[in-house]
Every structure is written in C-alpha cells, then in structure tokens.
Amino acid sequence: MKQREFVYMGDPLPVIDERENAAFFLNFKKSIIISLEQRQLLTPSQREQCFIALENQYSQKSKH
C-alpha cells in the first residue's frame, strides 16, 4: 500500500488547552481505549484498568 502524506492548508488550528478542556480529552482518551478493546488489542479488564488510571490522572490534575 502506497503511503500518502496529507498537509492541512486551511486556517491556523486553534490551540486547545488540556486544562480548560479536560472533559474533552478524558473522553477522547477513553474512546481510544474502547477502540483498542473492540480491535481485541485490549481485554475488558485492561480497559477497566486504563479507565481507572485515567480517572486518577485527571482527578490529580484537577487538584493542582
């Protein structure tokens, strides 16, 4: 399969601050984990462990 490179030519992309958009990034990361499980690259227990680790990570960040 031939690889192609795509270059964005539109308006400058906005900077998304992870602290201001924590819920978006948390859900985005969870969707990636669910996708890995659906592709059978993670087991359900590994998915749950990842979710717990993400929740802990974001709860610690919100305390700071």
N, C-alpha and C. Protein backbone atom coordinates (compact mmCIF):
# COMPACT_ATOMS: atom_id res chain seq x y z
N MET A 1 0.84 -1.17 0.00
CA MET A 1 0.00 0.00 0.00
C MET A 1 0.89 1.24 0.00
N LYS A 2 0.59 2.15 -0.90
CA LYS A 2 1.38 3.37 -1.00
C LYS A 2 0.96 4.35 0.10
N GLN A 3 1.95 4.87 0.83
CA GLN A 3 1.67 5.84 1.87
C GLN A 3 1.61 7.23 1.26
N ARG A 4 0.62 8.01 1.74
CA ARG A 4 0.48 9.38 1.26
C ARG A 4 0.59 10.31 2.45
N GLU A 5 1.10 11.48 2.20
CA GLU A 5 1.21 12.49 3.24
C GLU A 5 0.19 13.58 2.96
N PHE A 6 -0.56 13.94 3.99
CA PHE A 6 -1.56 14.98 3.86
C PHE A 6 -1.09 16.21 4.62
N VAL A 7 -1.26 17.36 3.99
CA VAL A 7 -0.86 18.63 4.60
C VAL A 7 -2.08 19.52 4.70
N TYR A 8 -2.36 20.01 5.90
CA TYR A 8 -3.50 20.89 6.15
C TYR A 8 -3.17 22.27 5.60
N MET A 9 -4.07 22.82 4.76
CA MET A 9 -3.82 24.11 4.12
C MET A 9 -4.83 25.17 4.55
N GLY A 10 -5.67 24.88 5.55
CA GLY A 10 -6.71 25.82 5.96
C GLY A 10 -6.22 26.84 6.98
N ASP A 11 -7.17 27.36 7.73
CA ASP A 11 -6.87 28.34 8.77
C ASP A 11 -5.96 27.71 9.83
N PRO A 12 -5.24 28.56 10.57
CA PRO A 12 -4.41 28.02 11.66
C PRO A 12 -5.28 27.27 12.66
N LEU A 13 -4.78 26.16 13.13
CA LEU A 13 -5.53 25.36 14.09
C LEU A 13 -5.52 26.04 15.46
N PRO A 14 -6.64 26.03 16.15
CA PRO A 14 -6.66 26.64 17.47
C PRO A 14 -5.88 25.80 18.47
N VAL A 15 -5.29 26.46 19.43
CA VAL A 15 -4.58 25.76 20.49
C VAL A 15 -5.62 25.33 21.52
N ILE A 16 -5.64 24.03 21.82
CA ILE A 16 -6.59 23.51 22.78
C ILE A 16 -5.84 23.23 24.07
N ASP A 17 -6.19 23.99 25.11
CA ASP A 17 -5.55 23.83 26.40
C ASP A 17 -6.15 22.63 27.12
N GLU A 18 -5.31 21.71 27.54
CA GLU A 18 -5.78 20.49 28.18
C GLU A 18 -6.47 20.77 29.51
N ARG A 19 -6.04 21.79 30.21
CA ARG A 19 -6.68 22.12 31.49
C ARG A 19 -8.09 22.66 31.29
N GLU A 20 -8.27 23.49 30.27
CA GLU A 20 -9.58 24.07 30.01
C GLU A 20 -10.55 23.06 29.40
N ASN A 21 -10.04 22.08 28.72
CA ASN A 21 -10.87 21.10 28.02
C ASN A 21 -10.62 19.70 28.54
N ALA A 22 -10.50 19.56 29.85
CA ALA A 22 -10.14 18.27 30.46
C ALA A 22 -11.19 17.20 30.14
N ALA A 23 -12.47 17.55 30.17
CA ALA A 23 -13.52 16.57 29.90
C ALA A 23 -13.42 16.04 28.47
N PHE A 24 -13.12 16.94 27.53
CA PHE A 24 -12.97 16.52 26.13
C PHE A 24 -11.83 15.53 25.99
N PHE A 25 -10.67 15.86 26.58
CA PHE A 25 -9.51 14.99 26.46
C PHE A 25 -9.72 13.66 27.17
N LEU A 26 -10.41 13.68 28.30
CA LEU A 26 -10.70 12.43 29.01
C LEU A 26 -11.57 11.53 28.15
N ASN A 27 -12.62 12.08 27.56
CA ASN A 27 -13.49 11.28 26.70
C ASN A 27 -12.77 10.83 25.43
N PHE A 28 -11.90 11.66 24.90
CA PHE A 28 -11.13 11.30 23.72
C PHE A 28 -10.22 10.10 24.01
N LYS A 29 -9.54 10.15 25.16
CA LYS A 29 -8.66 9.05 25.54
C LYS A 29 -9.46 7.78 25.82
N LYS A 30 -10.63 7.92 26.44
CA LYS A 30 -11.48 6.76 26.69
C LYS A 30 -11.94 6.13 25.38
N SER A 31 -12.24 6.96 24.39
CA SER A 31 -12.69 6.42 23.10
C SER A 31 -11.57 5.65 22.41
N ILE A 32 -10.34 6.10 22.58
CA ILE A 32 -9.20 5.37 22.01
C ILE A 32 -9.07 4.01 22.68
N ILE A 33 -9.23 3.98 24.00
CA ILE A 33 -9.13 2.72 24.74
C ILE A 33 -10.24 1.76 24.32
N ILE A 34 -11.47 2.28 24.16
CA ILE A 34 -12.58 1.44 23.71
C ILE A 34 -12.31 0.89 22.32
N SER A 35 -11.73 1.72 21.46
CA SER A 35 -11.38 1.28 20.10
C SER A 35 -10.36 0.14 20.15
N LEU A 36 -9.39 0.26 21.03
CA LEU A 36 -8.39 -0.81 21.16
C LEU A 36 -9.03 -2.10 21.64
N GLU A 37 -10.00 -1.98 22.54
CA GLU A 37 -10.70 -3.18 23.02
C GLU A 37 -11.52 -3.81 21.89
N GLN A 38 -12.19 -2.98 21.11
CA GLN A 38 -13.00 -3.50 20.01
C GLN A 38 -12.15 -4.21 18.96
N ARG A 39 -10.92 -3.74 18.81
CA ARG A 39 -9.99 -4.38 17.86
C ARG A 39 -9.26 -5.55 18.50
N GLN A 40 -9.67 -5.89 19.73
CA GLN A 40 -9.12 -7.00 20.51
C GLN A 40 -7.63 -6.85 20.78
N LEU A 41 -7.22 -5.59 20.99
CA LEU A 41 -5.84 -5.32 21.39
C LEU A 41 -5.75 -5.12 22.90
N LEU A 42 -6.92 -4.98 23.54
CA LEU A 42 -7.02 -4.91 25.00
C LEU A 42 -8.13 -5.84 25.45
N THR A 43 -7.99 -6.40 26.64
CA THR A 43 -9.06 -7.19 27.23
C THR A 43 -9.98 -6.25 28.01
N PRO A 44 -11.19 -6.70 28.35
CA PRO A 44 -12.07 -5.85 29.16
C PRO A 44 -11.45 -5.44 30.50
N SER A 45 -10.71 -6.32 31.12
CA SER A 45 -10.07 -5.95 32.40
C SER A 45 -8.97 -4.90 32.19
N GLN A 46 -8.23 -5.00 31.09
CA GLN A 46 -7.21 -4.00 30.78
C GLN A 46 -7.88 -2.65 30.50
N ARG A 47 -9.02 -2.66 29.82
CA ARG A 47 -9.76 -1.43 29.56
C ARG A 47 -10.16 -0.78 30.87
N GLU A 48 -10.69 -1.57 31.80
CA GLU A 48 -11.11 -1.02 33.09
C GLU A 48 -9.92 -0.45 33.86
N GLN A 49 -8.78 -1.13 33.81
CA GLN A 49 -7.58 -0.62 34.48
C GLN A 49 -7.14 0.70 33.87
N CYS A 50 -7.24 0.81 32.55
CA CYS A 50 -6.89 2.06 31.87
C CYS A 50 -7.84 3.18 32.27
N PHE A 51 -9.13 2.86 32.36
CA PHE A 51 -10.11 3.87 32.77
C PHE A 51 -9.82 4.36 34.19
N ILE A 52 -9.49 3.44 35.08
CA ILE A 52 -9.17 3.82 36.46
C ILE A 52 -7.94 4.71 36.49
N ALA A 53 -6.91 4.34 35.71
CA ALA A 53 -5.69 5.15 35.66
C ALA A 53 -5.97 6.54 35.11
N LEU A 54 -6.81 6.64 34.08
CA LEU A 54 -7.16 7.94 33.52
C LEU A 54 -7.92 8.79 34.52
N GLU A 55 -8.89 8.18 35.20
CA GLU A 55 -9.66 8.92 36.20
C GLU A 55 -8.75 9.44 37.30
N ASN A 56 -7.81 8.60 37.75
CA ASN A 56 -6.86 9.02 38.78
C ASN A 56 -5.98 10.16 38.28
N GLN A 57 -5.54 10.06 37.05
CA GLN A 57 -4.68 11.09 36.47
C GLN A 57 -5.42 12.42 36.41
N TYR A 58 -6.66 12.40 35.95
CA TYR A 58 -7.41 13.64 35.82
C TYR A 58 -7.86 14.19 37.17
N SER A 59 -8.13 13.31 38.14
CA SER A 59 -8.50 13.83 39.46
C SER A 59 -7.32 14.48 40.14
N GLN A 60 -6.10 13.96 39.92
CA GLN A 60 -4.91 14.57 40.49
C GLN A 60 -4.62 15.91 39.82
N LYS A 61 -4.84 16.01 38.52
CA LYS A 61 -4.59 17.26 37.80
C LYS A 61 -5.57 18.34 38.24
N SER A 62 -6.81 17.94 38.54
CA SER A 62 -7.81 18.94 38.92
C SER A 62 -7.55 19.48 40.33
N LYS A 63 -6.81 18.74 41.14
CA LYS A 63 -6.47 19.20 42.49
C LYS A 63 -5.41 20.27 42.46
N HIS A 64 -4.59 20.29 41.40
CA HIS A 64 -3.48 21.27 41.31
C HIS A 64 -3.92 22.55 40.74
